[in-house]
């Protein structure tokens, strides 16, 4: 198991797009703790924790199920794309 806590926070988007798939290709489980929506969008499973609310699902499932998550995605992508 490899746990990354904001490991890409100082990477530019191009470097992040190279690093995360390379790490995900390793055997075992990869847990990424991140605030970047791009990290969540590429994950097989997302855990959203907001106070007492905890939801899991894919990026697209959480957009549909969580107004908070949908708002975060909308703020990250100014054109509303996801």
PDB file of N, CA and C in Angstrom:
ATOM      1  N   UNK A   1       0.842  -1.163   0.000  1.00  0.00           N
ATOM      2  CA  UNK A   1       0.000   0.000   0.000  1.00  0.00           C
ATOM      3  C   UNK A   1       0.896   1.237   0.000  1.00  0.00           C
ATOM      4  N   UNK A   2       0.573   2.169  -0.880  1.00  0.00           N
ATOM      5  CA  UNK A   2       1.291   3.434  -0.952  1.00  0.00           C
ATOM      6  C   UNK A   2       0.285   4.544  -0.663  1.00  0.00           C
ATOM      7  N   UNK A   3       0.582   5.385   0.311  1.00  0.00           N
ATOM      8  CA  UNK A   3      -0.300   6.491   0.670  1.00  0.00           C
ATOM      9  C   UNK A   3       0.408   7.793   0.328  1.00  0.00           C
ATOM     10  N   UNK A   4      -0.238   8.599  -0.497  1.00  0.00           N
ATOM     11  CA  UNK A   4       0.298   9.905  -0.883  1.00  0.00           C
ATOM     12  C   UNK A   4      -0.592  10.988  -0.285  1.00  0.00           C
ATOM     13  N   UNK A   5      -0.030  11.835   0.531  1.00  0.00           N
ATOM     14  CA  UNK A   5      -0.780  12.925   1.156  1.00  0.00           C
ATOM     15  C   UNK A   5      -0.346  14.235   0.523  1.00  0.00           C
ATOM     16  N   UNK A   6      -1.179  14.735  -0.385  1.00  0.00           N
ATOM     17  CA  UNK A   6      -0.885  15.977  -1.113  1.00  0.00           C
ATOM     18  C   UNK A   6       0.478  15.912  -1.799  1.00  0.00           C
ATOM     19  N   UNK A   7       0.828  14.735  -2.276  1.00  0.00           N
ATOM     20  CA  UNK A   7       2.150  14.538  -2.881  1.00  0.00           C
ATOM     21  C   UNK A   7       2.347  15.347  -4.150  1.00  0.00           C
ATOM     22  N   UNK A   8       1.273  15.659  -4.845  1.00  0.00           N
ATOM     23  CA  UNK A   8       1.400  16.410  -6.092  1.00  0.00           C
ATOM     24  C   UNK A   8       1.128  17.887  -5.953  1.00  0.00           C
ATOM     25  N   UNK A   9       1.037  18.385  -4.737  1.00  0.00           N
ATOM     26  CA  UNK A   9       0.634  19.780  -4.548  1.00  0.00           C
ATOM     27  C   UNK A   9       1.618  20.786  -5.152  1.00  0.00           C
ATOM     28  N   UNK A  10       2.867  20.390  -5.313  1.00  0.00           N
ATOM     29  CA  UNK A  10       3.845  21.308  -5.902  1.00  0.00           C
ATOM     30  C   UNK A  10       4.182  20.966  -7.355  1.00  0.00           C
ATOM     31  N   UNK A  11       3.427  20.017  -7.905  1.00  0.00           N
ATOM     32  CA  UNK A  11       3.640  19.656  -9.305  1.00  0.00           C
ATOM     33  C   UNK A  11       2.757  20.500 -10.207  1.00  0.00           C
ATOM     34  N   UNK A  12       3.260  20.809 -11.376  1.00  0.00           N
ATOM     35  CA  UNK A  12       2.405  21.468 -12.357  1.00  0.00           C
ATOM     36  C   UNK A  12       1.477  20.402 -12.940  1.00  0.00           C
ATOM     37  N   UNK A  13       0.378  20.786 -13.583  1.00  0.00           N
ATOM     38  CA  UNK A  13      -0.595  19.807 -14.087  1.00  0.00           C
ATOM     39  C   UNK A  13       0.015  18.746 -15.014  1.00  0.00           C
ATOM     40  N   UNK A  14       0.969  19.122 -15.858  1.00  0.00           N
ATOM     41  CA  UNK A  14       1.586  18.150 -16.768  1.00  0.00           C
ATOM     42  C   UNK A  14       2.372  17.090 -15.991  1.00  0.00           C
ATOM     43  N   UNK A  15       3.113  17.504 -14.996  1.00  0.00           N
ATOM     44  CA  UNK A  15       3.879  16.553 -14.179  1.00  0.00           C
ATOM     45  C   UNK A  15       2.936  15.665 -13.372  1.00  0.00           C
ATOM     46  N   UNK A  16       1.855  16.240 -12.882  1.00  0.00           N
ATOM     47  CA  UNK A  16       0.868  15.458 -12.133  1.00  0.00           C
ATOM     48  C   UNK A  16       0.249  14.377 -13.033  1.00  0.00           C
ATOM     49  N   UNK A  17      -0.049  14.722 -14.291  1.00  0.00           N
ATOM     50  CA  UNK A  17      -0.637  13.756 -15.225  1.00  0.00           C
ATOM     51  C   UNK A  17       0.317  12.601 -15.529  1.00  0.00           C
ATOM     52  N   UNK A  18       1.614  12.827 -15.382  1.00  0.00           N
ATOM     53  CA  UNK A  18       2.593  11.753 -15.581  1.00  0.00           C
ATOM     54  C   UNK A  18       2.800  10.948 -14.297  1.00  0.00           C
ATOM     55  N   UNK A  19       2.835  11.616 -13.167  1.00  0.00           N
ATOM     56  CA  UNK A  19       3.180  10.958 -11.901  1.00  0.00           C
ATOM     57  C   UNK A  19       2.086  10.023 -11.395  1.00  0.00           C
ATOM     58  N   UNK A  20       0.834  10.489 -11.373  1.00  0.00           N
ATOM     59  CA  UNK A  20      -0.224   9.669 -10.787  1.00  0.00           C
ATOM     60  C   UNK A  20      -0.420   8.347 -11.522  1.00  0.00           C
ATOM     61  N   UNK A  21      -0.495   8.330 -12.859  1.00  0.00           N
ATOM     62  CA  UNK A  21      -0.636   7.026 -13.528  1.00  0.00           C
ATOM     63  C   UNK A  21       0.574   6.113 -13.308  1.00  0.00           C
ATOM     64  N   UNK A  22       1.755   6.683 -13.242  1.00  0.00           N
ATOM     65  CA  UNK A  22       2.953   5.860 -13.004  1.00  0.00           C
ATOM     66  C   UNK A  22       2.880   5.207 -11.627  1.00  0.00           C
ATOM     67  N   UNK A  23       2.450   5.951 -10.638  1.00  0.00           N
ATOM     68  CA  UNK A  23       2.316   5.388  -9.295  1.00  0.00           C
ATOM     69  C   UNK A  23       1.168   4.390  -9.231  1.00  0.00           C
ATOM     70  N   UNK A  24       0.072   4.676  -9.916  1.00  0.00           N
ATOM     71  CA  UNK A  24      -1.082   3.778  -9.921  1.00  0.00           C
ATOM     72  C   UNK A  24      -0.771   2.459 -10.617  1.00  0.00           C
ATOM     73  N   UNK A  25       0.185   2.450 -11.527  1.00  0.00           N
ATOM     74  CA  UNK A  25       0.542   1.237 -12.257  1.00  0.00           C
ATOM     75  C   UNK A  25       1.345   0.250 -11.399  1.00  0.00           C
ATOM     76  N   UNK A  26       1.836   0.707 -10.277  1.00  0.00           N
ATOM     77  CA  UNK A  26       2.586  -0.176  -9.383  1.00  0.00           C
ATOM     78  C   UNK A  26       1.639  -1.205  -8.773  1.00  0.00           C
ATOM     79  N   UNK A  27       2.152  -2.372  -8.402  1.00  0.00           N
ATOM     80  CA  UNK A  27       1.286  -3.344  -7.741  1.00  0.00           C
ATOM     81  C   UNK A  27       0.860  -2.844  -6.364  1.00  0.00           C
ATOM     82  N   UNK A  28      -0.294  -3.278  -5.929  1.00  0.00           N
ATOM     83  CA  UNK A  28      -0.785  -2.904  -4.610  1.00  0.00           C
ATOM     84  C   UNK A  28      -1.815  -1.790  -4.691  1.00  0.00           C
ATOM     85  N   UNK A  29      -2.139  -1.249  -3.552  1.00  0.00           N
ATOM     86  CA  UNK A  29      -3.163  -0.219  -3.428  1.00  0.00           C
ATOM     87  C   UNK A  29      -2.516   1.152  -3.327  1.00  0.00           C
ATOM     88  N   UNK A  30      -3.077   2.113  -4.037  1.00  0.00           N
ATOM     89  CA  UNK A  30      -2.622   3.496  -3.978  1.00  0.00           C
ATOM     90  C   UNK A  30      -3.739   4.333  -3.364  1.00  0.00           C
ATOM     91  N   UNK A  31      -3.439   5.016  -2.281  1.00  0.00           N
ATOM     92  CA  UNK A  31      -4.377   5.932  -1.635  1.00  0.00           C
ATOM     93  C   UNK A  31      -3.819   7.331  -1.824  1.00  0.00           C
ATOM     94  N   UNK A  32      -4.615   8.206  -2.445  1.00  0.00           N
ATOM     95  CA  UNK A  32      -4.184   9.576  -2.701  1.00  0.00           C
ATOM     96  C   UNK A  32      -5.068  10.513  -1.896  1.00  0.00           C
ATOM     97  N   UNK A  33      -4.470  11.257  -0.999  1.00  0.00           N
ATOM     98  CA  UNK A  33      -5.171  12.282  -0.235  1.00  0.00           C
ATOM     99  C   UNK A  33      -4.877  13.592  -0.936  1.00  0.00           C
ATOM    100  N   UNK A  34      -5.928  14.203  -1.492  1.00  0.00           N
ATOM    101  CA  UNK A  34      -5.698  15.382  -2.323  1.00  0.00           C
ATOM    102  C   UNK A  34      -6.899  16.303  -2.295  1.00  0.00           C
ATOM    103  N   UNK A  35      -6.651  17.556  -2.600  1.00  0.00           N
ATOM    104  CA  UNK A  35      -7.714  18.541  -2.732  1.00  0.00           C
ATOM    105  C   UNK A  35      -7.982  18.879  -4.185  1.00  0.00           C
ATOM    106  N   UNK A  36      -7.162  18.394  -5.079  1.00  0.00           N
ATOM    107  CA  UNK A  36      -7.342  18.672  -6.502  1.00  0.00           C
ATOM    108  C   UNK A  36      -8.438  17.786  -7.086  1.00  0.00           C
ATOM    109  N   UNK A  37      -9.374  18.408  -7.753  1.00  0.00           N
ATOM    110  CA  UNK A  37     -10.451  17.662  -8.399  1.00  0.00           C
ATOM    111  C   UNK A  37      -9.879  16.730  -9.461  1.00  0.00           C
ATOM    112  N   UNK A  38      -8.798  17.125 -10.114  1.00  0.00           N
ATOM    113  CA  UNK A  38      -8.202  16.270 -11.141  1.00  0.00           C
ATOM    114  C   UNK A  38      -7.759  14.931 -10.559  1.00  0.00           C
ATOM    115  N   UNK A  39      -7.306  14.920  -9.321  1.00  0.00           N
ATOM    116  CA  UNK A  39      -6.929  13.664  -8.680  1.00  0.00           C
ATOM    117  C   UNK A  39      -8.149  12.795  -8.438  1.00  0.00           C
ATOM    118  N   UNK A  40      -9.227  13.409  -7.996  1.00  0.00           N
ATOM    119  CA  UNK A  40     -10.462  12.662  -7.758  1.00  0.00           C
ATOM    120  C   UNK A  40     -11.045  12.144  -9.064  1.00  0.00           C
ATOM    121  N   UNK A  41     -10.981  12.943 -10.106  1.00  0.00           N
ATOM    122  CA  UNK A  41     -11.565  12.560 -11.387  1.00  0.00           C
ATOM    123  C   UNK A  41     -10.878  11.329 -11.974  1.00  0.00           C
ATOM    124  N   UNK A  42      -9.620  11.134 -11.683  1.00  0.00           N
ATOM    125  CA  UNK A  42      -8.897   9.995 -12.240  1.00  0.00           C
ATOM    126  C   UNK A  42      -8.932   8.765 -11.337  1.00  0.00           C
ATOM    127  N   UNK A  43      -9.499   8.893 -10.150  1.00  0.00           N
ATOM    128  CA  UNK A  43      -9.534   7.778  -9.201  1.00  0.00           C
ATOM    129  C   UNK A  43     -10.649   6.790  -9.530  1.00  0.00           C
ATOM    130  N   UNK A  44     -10.412   5.521  -9.219  1.00  0.00           N
ATOM    131  CA  UNK A  44     -11.482   4.515  -9.382  1.00  0.00           C
ATOM    132  C   UNK A  44     -12.561   4.715  -8.332  1.00  0.00           C
ATOM    133  N   UNK A  45     -12.185   5.164  -7.144  1.00  0.00           N
ATOM    134  CA  UNK A  45     -13.115   5.346  -6.037  1.00  0.00           C
ATOM    135  C   UNK A  45     -12.723   6.619  -5.293  1.00  0.00           C
ATOM    136  N   UNK A  46     -13.722   7.432  -4.936  1.00  0.00           N
ATOM    137  CA  UNK A  46     -13.488   8.693  -4.228  1.00  0.00           C
ATOM    138  C   UNK A  46     -14.194   8.610  -2.877  1.00  0.00           C
ATOM    139  N   UNK A  47     -13.520   9.051  -1.843  1.00  0.00           N
ATOM    140  CA  UNK A  47     -14.104   9.168  -0.511  1.00  0.00           C
ATOM    141  C   UNK A  47     -14.218  10.657  -0.218  1.00  0.00           C
ATOM    142  N   UNK A  48     -15.447  11.139  -0.059  1.00  0.00           N
ATOM    143  CA  UNK A  48     -15.700  12.554   0.225  1.00  0.00           C
ATOM    144  C   UNK A  48     -16.098  12.672   1.685  1.00  0.00           C
ATOM    145  N   UNK A  49     -15.338  13.446   2.441  1.00  0.00           N
ATOM    146  CA  UNK A  49     -15.622  13.637   3.861  1.00  0.00           C
ATOM    147  C   UNK A  49     -15.853  15.120   4.109  1.00  0.00           C
ATOM    148  N   UNK A  50     -17.036  15.431   4.622  1.00  0.00           N
ATOM    149  CA  UNK A  50     -17.408  16.812   4.919  1.00  0.00           C
ATOM    150  C   UNK A  50     -18.106  16.830   6.271  1.00  0.00           C
ATOM    151  N   UNK A  51     -17.359  17.126   7.313  1.00  0.00           N
ATOM    152  CA  UNK A  51     -17.960  17.121   8.648  1.00  0.00           C
ATOM    153  C   UNK A  51     -18.444  15.725   9.009  1.00  0.00           C
ATOM    154  N   UNK A  52     -19.747  15.576   9.192  1.00  0.00           N
ATOM    155  CA  UNK A  52     -20.303  14.274   9.550  1.00  0.00           C
ATOM    156  C   UNK A  52     -20.765  13.478   8.334  1.00  0.00           C
ATOM    157  N   UNK A  53     -20.710  14.057   7.150  1.00  0.00           N
ATOM    158  CA  UNK A  53     -21.140  13.391   5.926  1.00  0.00           C
ATOM    159  C   UNK A  53     -19.957  12.694   5.267  1.00  0.00           C
ATOM    160  N   UNK A  54     -20.140  11.414   4.970  1.00  0.00           N
ATOM    161  CA  UNK A  54     -19.118  10.636   4.275  1.00  0.00           C
ATOM    162  C   UNK A  54     -19.800   9.925   3.112  1.00  0.00           C
ATOM    163  N   UNK A  55     -19.291  10.123   1.911  1.00  0.00           N
ATOM    164  CA  UNK A  55     -19.817   9.470   0.714  1.00  0.00           C
ATOM    165  C   UNK A  55     -18.676   8.828  -0.053  1.00  0.00           C
ATOM    166  N   UNK A  56     -18.978   7.734  -0.734  1.00  0.00           N
ATOM    167  CA  UNK A  56     -18.016   7.119  -1.626  1.00  0.00           C
ATOM    168  C   UNK A  56     -18.683   6.883  -2.970  1.00  0.00           C
ATOM    169  N   UNK A  57     -17.877   6.865  -3.993  1.00  0.00           N
ATOM    170  CA  UNK A  57     -18.360   6.609  -5.338  1.00  0.00           C
ATOM    171  C   UNK A  57     -17.316   7.062  -6.337  1.00  0.00           C
ATOM    172  N   UNK A  58     -17.659   6.951  -7.604  1.00  0.00           N
ATOM    173  CA  UNK A  58     -16.761   7.467  -8.627  1.00  0.00           C
ATOM    174  C   UNK A  58     -16.931   8.981  -8.687  1.00  0.00           C
ATOM    175  N   UNK A  59     -16.055   9.615  -9.412  1.00  0.00           N
ATOM    176  CA  UNK A  59     -16.131  11.068  -9.607  1.00  0.00           C
ATOM    177  C   UNK A  59     -17.511  11.460 -10.140  1.00  0.00           C
ATOM    178  N   UNK A  60     -17.977  10.777 -11.183  1.00  0.00           N
ATOM    179  CA  UNK A  60     -19.264  11.121 -11.795  1.00  0.00           C
ATOM    180  C   UNK A  60     -20.439  10.783 -10.889  1.00  0.00           C
ATOM    181  N   UNK A  61     -20.346   9.693 -10.133  1.00  0.00           N
ATOM    182  CA  UNK A  61     -21.411   9.363  -9.182  1.00  0.00           C
ATOM    183  C   UNK A  61     -21.539  10.442  -8.119  1.00  0.00           C
ATOM    184  N   UNK A  62     -20.411  10.940  -7.623  1.00  0.00           N
ATOM    185  CA  UNK A  62     -20.463  11.967  -6.581  1.00  0.00           C
ATOM    186  C   UNK A  62     -20.966  13.301  -7.114  1.00  0.00           C
ATOM    187  N   UNK A  63     -20.691  13.592  -8.365  1.00  0.00           N
ATOM    188  CA  UNK A  63     -21.261  14.811  -8.957  1.00  0.00           C
ATOM    189  C   UNK A  63     -22.782  14.737  -8.906  1.00  0.00           C
ATOM    190  N   UNK A  64     -23.328  13.556  -9.201  1.00  0.00           N
ATOM    191  CA  UNK A  64     -24.774  13.367  -9.197  1.00  0.00           C
ATOM    192  C   UNK A  64     -25.368  13.284  -7.793  1.00  0.00           C
ATOM    193  N   UNK A  65     -24.619  12.746  -6.831  1.00  0.00           N
ATOM    194  CA  UNK A  65     -25.154  12.487  -5.497  1.00  0.00           C
ATOM    195  C   UNK A  65     -24.881  13.575  -4.473  1.00  0.00           C
ATOM    196  N   UNK A  66     -23.873  14.397  -4.694  1.00  0.00           N
ATOM    197  CA  UNK A  66     -23.465  15.358  -3.671  1.00  0.00           C
ATOM    198  C   UNK A  66     -23.451  16.780  -4.225  1.00  0.00           C
ATOM    199  N   UNK A  67     -24.372  17.628  -3.745  1.00  0.00           N
ATOM    200  CA  UNK A  67     -24.338  19.030  -4.175  1.00  0.00           C
ATOM    201  C   UNK A  67     -23.001  19.706  -3.839  1.00  0.00           C
ATOM    202  N   UNK A  68     -22.396  19.350  -2.708  1.00  0.00           N
ATOM    203  CA  UNK A  68     -21.104  19.924  -2.325  1.00  0.00           C
ATOM    204  C   UNK A  68     -20.033  19.552  -3.343  1.00  0.00           C
ATOM    205  N   UNK A  69     -19.966  18.280  -3.692  1.00  0.00           N
ATOM    206  CA  UNK A  69     -18.959  17.822  -4.648  1.00  0.00           C
ATOM    207  C   UNK A  69     -19.192  18.467  -6.008  1.00  0.00           C
ATOM    208  N   UNK A  70     -20.442  18.499  -6.448  1.00  0.00           N
ATOM    209  CA  UNK A  70     -20.764  19.130  -7.737  1.00  0.00           C
ATOM    210  C   UNK A  70     -20.351  20.598  -7.736  1.00  0.00           C
ATOM    211  N   UNK A  71     -20.554  21.278  -6.615  1.00  0.00           N
ATOM    212  CA  UNK A  71     -20.149  22.683  -6.508  1.00  0.00           C
ATOM    213  C   UNK A  71     -18.631  22.817  -6.587  1.00  0.00           C
ATOM    214  N   UNK A  72     -17.911  21.925  -5.910  1.00  0.00           N
ATOM    215  CA  UNK A  72     -16.442  21.961  -5.976  1.00  0.00           C
ATOM    216  C   UNK A  72     -15.951  21.747  -7.399  1.00  0.00           C
ATOM    217  N   UNK A  73     -16.552  20.787  -8.092  1.00  0.00           N
ATOM    218  CA  UNK A  73     -16.165  20.525  -9.477  1.00  0.00           C
ATOM    219  C   UNK A  73     -16.460  21.745 -10.337  1.00  0.00           C
ATOM    220  N   UNK A  74     -17.621  22.345 -10.145  1.00  0.00           N
ATOM    221  CA  UNK A  74     -17.993  23.531 -10.916  1.00  0.00           C
ATOM    222  C   UNK A  74     -17.069  24.706 -10.672  1.00  0.00           C
ATOM    223  N   UNK A  75     -16.603  24.842  -9.454  1.00  0.00           N
ATOM    224  CA  UNK A  75     -15.673  25.940  -9.139  1.00  0.00           C
ATOM    225  C   UNK A  75     -14.289  25.662  -9.714  1.00  0.00           C
ATOM    226  N   UNK A  76     -13.889  24.398  -9.756  1.00  0.00           N
ATOM    227  CA  UNK A  76     -12.572  24.036 -10.288  1.00  0.00           C
ATOM    228  C   UNK A  76     -12.542  24.222 -11.791  1.00  0.00           C
ATOM    229  N   UNK A  77     -13.626  23.805 -12.441  1.00  0.00           N
ATOM    230  CA  UNK A  77     -13.735  23.911 -13.896  1.00  0.00           C
ATOM    231  C   UNK A  77     -14.664  25.090 -14.217  1.00  0.00           C
ATOM    232  N   UNK A  78     -14.101  26.222 -14.484  1.00  0.00           N
ATOM    233  CA  UNK A  78     -14.893  27.434 -14.691  1.00  0.00           C
ATOM    234  C   UNK A  78     -15.912  27.274 -15.815  1.00  0.00           C
ATOM    235  N   UNK A  79     -15.628  26.422 -16.781  1.00  0.00           N
ATOM    236  CA  UNK A  79     -16.575  26.226 -17.890  1.00  0.00           C
ATOM    237  C   UNK A  79     -17.606  25.155 -17.567  1.00  0.00           C
ATOM    238  N   UNK A  80     -17.544  24.576 -16.346  1.00  0.00           N
ATOM    239  CA  UNK A  80     -18.524  23.587 -15.929  1.00  0.00           C
ATOM    240  C   UNK A  80     -18.270  22.175 -16.423  1.00  0.00           C
ATOM    241  N   UNK A  81     -17.157  21.933 -17.109  1.00  0.00           N
ATOM    242  CA  UNK A  81     -16.875  20.601 -17.620  1.00  0.00           C
ATOM    243  C   UNK A  81     -16.355  19.701 -16.514  1.00  0.00           C
ATOM    244  N   UNK A  82     -16.568  18.428 -16.677  1.00  0.00           N
ATOM    245  CA  UNK A  82     -16.040  17.432 -15.747  1.00  0.00           C
ATOM    246  C   UNK A  82     -15.850  16.169 -16.498  1.00  0.00           C
TER     247      UNK A  82
END
